[in-house]
Protein backbone atom coordinates (compact mmCIF):
# COMPACT_ATOMS: atom_id res chain seq x y z
CA MET A 1 23.29 -77.19 -74.51
CA GLY A 2 26.79 -76.69 -75.66
CA LEU A 3 29.43 -79.12 -76.12
CA ASP A 4 30.67 -78.76 -72.74
CA ASP A 5 27.53 -80.50 -71.38
CA TRP A 6 28.24 -83.50 -73.38
CA LEU A 7 29.53 -86.95 -71.68
CA ARG A 8 32.63 -87.88 -73.64
CA TRP A 9 35.45 -90.39 -73.32
CA GLU A 10 39.00 -90.31 -74.31
CA ALA A 11 40.77 -93.60 -75.92
CA GLY A 12 41.19 -96.07 -73.35
CA GLU A 13 39.06 -94.28 -70.68
CA LYS A 14 36.36 -95.73 -68.38
CA LYS A 15 33.31 -94.17 -66.86
CA GLU A 16 30.44 -95.36 -64.61
CA VAL A 17 27.10 -93.82 -65.54
CA LEU A 18 23.44 -93.86 -64.18
CA ILE A 19 20.97 -93.17 -66.96
CA GLN A 20 18.10 -90.87 -65.66
CA SER A 21 16.00 -90.85 -68.91
CA ASP A 22 12.86 -92.89 -69.27
CA GLU A 23 13.56 -92.70 -73.08
CA PRO A 24 16.15 -91.63 -75.41
CA VAL A 25 15.95 -88.53 -77.76
CA LYS A 26 16.39 -89.63 -81.24
CA LYS A 27 18.17 -87.50 -83.71
CA LEU A 28 19.06 -87.23 -87.46
CA VAL A 29 22.33 -85.66 -87.88
CA HIS A 30 25.19 -84.78 -90.57
CA TRP A 31 28.87 -84.84 -89.90
CA ASP A 32 30.53 -81.43 -90.95
CA GLY A 33 34.07 -82.56 -90.47
CA GLU A 34 34.51 -81.62 -86.84
CA MET A 35 31.21 -82.35 -84.94
CA TYR A 36 27.44 -83.51 -85.75
CA VAL A 37 24.86 -81.00 -86.53
CA GLU A 38 21.14 -81.70 -86.75
CA CYS A 39 19.24 -82.46 -90.13
CA GLU A 40 17.28 -79.43 -91.19
CA LYS A 41 15.15 -81.63 -93.39
CA PRO A 42 12.96 -80.73 -95.48
CA ASP A 43 15.22 -77.76 -96.32
CA CYS A 44 18.72 -79.21 -94.98
CA PRO A 45 21.56 -77.93 -97.16
CA TRP A 46 23.64 -81.09 -96.07
CA CYS A 47 20.88 -83.43 -97.52
CA ASP A 48 21.24 -81.25 -100.43
CA ASP A 49 24.64 -81.80 -100.68
CA ARG A 50 24.19 -85.52 -100.18
CA VAL A 51 26.10 -85.57 -97.04
CA LYS A 52 25.35 -88.94 -95.24
CA ARG A 53 22.58 -88.57 -92.62
CA TRP A 54 23.31 -90.76 -89.32
CA THR A 55 20.84 -91.67 -86.49
CA ARG A 56 21.89 -90.82 -82.98
CA TYR A 57 20.52 -91.35 -79.59
CA ALA A 58 20.54 -88.97 -76.64
CA VAL A 59 19.86 -89.58 -72.72
CA GLU A 60 20.60 -87.67 -69.71
CA ALA A 61 23.18 -89.67 -67.57
CA LEU A 62 24.77 -88.88 -64.21
CA ALA A 63 28.54 -89.38 -64.09
CA GLU A 64 31.62 -87.81 -62.21
CA ASP A 65 29.18 -86.12 -59.95
CA ASP A 66 27.22 -84.24 -62.69
CA VAL A 67 24.51 -84.69 -65.02
CA TRP A 68 25.54 -84.80 -68.72
CA THR A 69 23.86 -85.35 -72.15
CA TRP A 70 25.23 -88.90 -73.45
CA GLU A 71 24.72 -89.11 -77.06
CA MET A 72 25.51 -91.95 -78.84
CA ALA A 73 25.57 -93.83 -82.29
CA LYS A 74 22.81 -96.20 -83.26
CA MET A 75 25.13 -99.31 -82.80
CA VAL A 76 26.17 -98.12 -79.34
CA TYR A 77 22.45 -97.47 -78.36
CA GLY A 78 21.63 -100.88 -79.60
CA GLN A 79 23.77 -102.28 -76.86
CA VAL A 80 22.34 -99.84 -73.92
CA LYS A 81 18.77 -100.97 -75.31
CA ASP A 82 19.29 -104.67 -75.10
CA ILE A 83 20.81 -104.14 -71.52
CA ALA A 84 17.90 -101.87 -70.59
CA GLU A 85 15.25 -104.76 -71.71
CA GLU A 86 16.83 -107.19 -69.57
CA TYR A 87 16.93 -104.72 -66.57
CA GLY A 88 13.34 -103.37 -66.93
CA GLY A 89 13.93 -99.73 -68.43
CA LEU A 90 16.39 -97.28 -69.00
CA ARG A 91 15.87 -94.90 -66.00
CA GLY A 92 18.27 -95.85 -63.18
CA LEU A 93 20.53 -98.14 -65.27
CA HIS A 94 23.97 -98.38 -64.03
CA LEU A 95 26.67 -99.13 -66.56
CA LYS A 96 30.63 -99.08 -66.76
CA VAL A 97 31.47 -97.80 -70.30
CA LYS A 98 35.01 -98.18 -71.82
CA ARG A 99 36.12 -96.44 -75.05
CA THR A 100 38.82 -97.97 -77.29
CA GLY A 101 40.49 -96.70 -80.59
CA GLU A 102 39.68 -93.10 -82.30
CA GLY A 103 37.96 -91.93 -85.38
CA ARG A 104 36.37 -94.56 -87.38
CA LYS A 105 37.95 -97.36 -85.35
CA THR A 106 36.14 -96.07 -82.03
CA ARG A 107 34.52 -98.86 -80.14
CA TYR A 108 32.72 -98.75 -76.75
CA THR A 109 32.39 -101.58 -74.46
CA ILE A 110 29.42 -101.62 -72.13
CA ILE A 111 29.17 -103.54 -69.11
CA PRO A 112 25.79 -103.64 -66.81
CA LEU A 113 26.56 -102.99 -63.05
CA GLY A 114 22.57 -103.28 -62.22
CA VAL A 115 19.92 -100.61 -61.33
CA ALA A 116 20.53 -97.88 -58.83
CA THR A 117 16.94 -96.23 -58.90
CA THR A 118 17.33 -94.83 -55.10
CA ILE A 119 21.04 -93.61 -56.00
CA VAL A 120 19.95 -91.73 -59.19
CA GLU A 121 16.73 -90.24 -57.42
CA ASP A 122 18.70 -89.21 -54.21
CA LYS A 123 21.71 -87.59 -56.25
CA THR A 124 19.34 -84.45 -55.89
CA MET A 125 20.20 -84.72 -52.29
CA TRP A 126 23.97 -83.39 -53.27
CA ASP A 127 22.16 -79.98 -54.20
CA PRO A 128 22.52 -77.49 -51.23
CA GLY A 129 19.04 -76.12 -52.23
CA ALA A 130 17.51 -79.50 -52.07
CA ILE A 131 18.85 -80.18 -48.63
CA ALA A 132 17.20 -76.55 -47.54
CA ARG A 133 14.00 -77.63 -48.77
CA ASP A 134 13.89 -80.96 -47.33
CA PRO A 135 16.37 -81.49 -44.61
CA GLU A 136 14.57 -84.63 -43.20
CA GLY A 137 14.49 -86.25 -46.66
CA ALA A 138 18.39 -85.78 -46.58
CA ILE A 139 18.69 -86.99 -42.94
CA ALA A 140 16.77 -90.05 -43.95
CA PHE A 141 19.05 -90.68 -46.99
CA VAL A 142 22.06 -90.49 -44.69
CA GLN A 143 20.37 -93.07 -42.41
CA GLU A 144 20.03 -95.47 -45.44
CA LEU A 145 23.33 -95.02 -46.75
CA ALA A 146 24.74 -95.51 -43.41
CA ALA A 147 22.75 -98.90 -42.75
CA SER A 148 24.10 -100.26 -45.90
CA LEU A 149 27.41 -99.90 -44.22
CA LYS A 150 26.15 -101.44 -41.01
CA MET A 151 26.30 -98.03 -39.06
CA THR A 152 23.85 -95.69 -37.51
CA GLY A 153 23.47 -92.41 -39.10
CA LYS A 154 25.33 -90.99 -35.76
CA GLU A 155 28.22 -93.28 -36.46
CA ALA A 156 28.38 -92.56 -39.89
CA LYS A 157 28.65 -88.78 -39.12
CA ASP A 158 31.24 -89.38 -36.39
CA ARG A 159 33.26 -91.45 -38.64
CA PHE A 160 32.89 -88.76 -41.54
CA LEU A 161 34.17 -85.80 -38.93
CA VAL A 162 37.27 -87.88 -38.03
CA VAL A 163 38.26 -88.21 -41.68
CA LYS A 164 36.83 -84.74 -42.90
CA GLY A 165 36.45 -82.58 -39.69
CA GLU A 166 38.73 -80.15 -40.17
CA GLU A 167 37.48 -79.15 -43.67
CA TYR A 168 34.03 -78.50 -42.37
CA ALA A 169 34.60 -77.04 -39.02
CA ASP A 170 33.70 -73.57 -39.99
CA LYS A 171 30.95 -74.58 -42.71
CA ASP A 172 27.21 -74.48 -42.24
CA GLY A 173 25.08 -77.33 -41.73
CA VAL A 174 23.88 -77.77 -45.23
CA SER A 175 27.36 -77.81 -46.79
CA THR A 176 28.49 -80.49 -44.14
CA LEU A 177 25.57 -82.52 -44.90
CA VAL A 178 26.29 -82.47 -48.78
CA ALA A 179 29.82 -83.29 -47.95
CA LEU A 180 28.53 -86.47 -45.60
CA ILE A 181 26.22 -87.84 -48.28
CA LYS A 182 28.96 -87.79 -50.93
CA TRP A 183 31.40 -89.44 -48.50
CA LEU A 184 28.90 -91.98 -47.80
CA ASP A 185 27.79 -92.79 -51.35
CA LEU A 186 31.38 -93.14 -52.02
CA GLN A 187 32.08 -95.58 -48.93
CA CYS A 188 28.86 -97.36 -50.40
CA GLU A 189 30.44 -97.89 -53.72
CA GLN A 190 33.68 -99.02 -52.50
CA ALA A 191 32.14 -101.64 -50.06
CA ARG A 192 30.40 -102.89 -53.23
CA ARG A 193 33.41 -103.34 -55.32
CA GLU A 194 35.34 -104.95 -52.88
CA ALA A 195 32.45 -107.49 -51.97
CA GLU A 196 32.51 -108.12 -55.83
CA GLU A 197 36.46 -108.74 -55.86
CA ASN A 198 36.22 -111.18 -53.00
CA VAL A 199 33.45 -113.26 -54.48
CA GLU A 200 35.12 -116.66 -55.37
CA ILE A 201 33.37 -118.91 -58.06
CA ASP A 202 34.40 -122.56 -58.50
CA LEU A 203 33.79 -122.98 -62.10
CA ASP A 204 34.81 -126.70 -62.27
CA SER A 205 32.02 -127.34 -59.72
CA LEU A 206 29.32 -125.25 -61.26
CA LEU A 207 29.90 -126.22 -65.05
CA THR A 208 29.49 -129.68 -66.19
């Protein structure tokens, strides 16, 4: 797996991730001045040169409509592990992660957003091959997403075609179904965020 498959943040950048691993992969690495390289102990030239060895952890994570390897330092994984223990495990953990600083001053702020097991499992429905193999499962997922928006599957499809119809007029059913699922998933996420923003908490009445 190359560097292009790793999940990365720029300073100040925020990403939402859905962890898809049950357990992390633990690695012992050395910093070669540009990147981490795995320790080759017992015959490791970096150890022989007394280059400091670090512990890092890697999980598979869904972000930005793709699956990446998220490799993190021991301290960052400690935060993720603590959250996972509260929510019952790593798989399906939905996090908002923000990076601040650069180099040795890099820090990550991790905010739990809950568990999204169904969404993680059904992201396979974004794959045309998966839809072709299981069209009934894809349709059921559309119905589930539509119901969370208080719509029937047909109402969701009709609304999607009003917004995106011209783009998919000449495409096959599988391509249109993939796009419909992505669009509905985005609508569900926006509805969740709007609901959170509209929640009013009277701290004076709650805190004594």
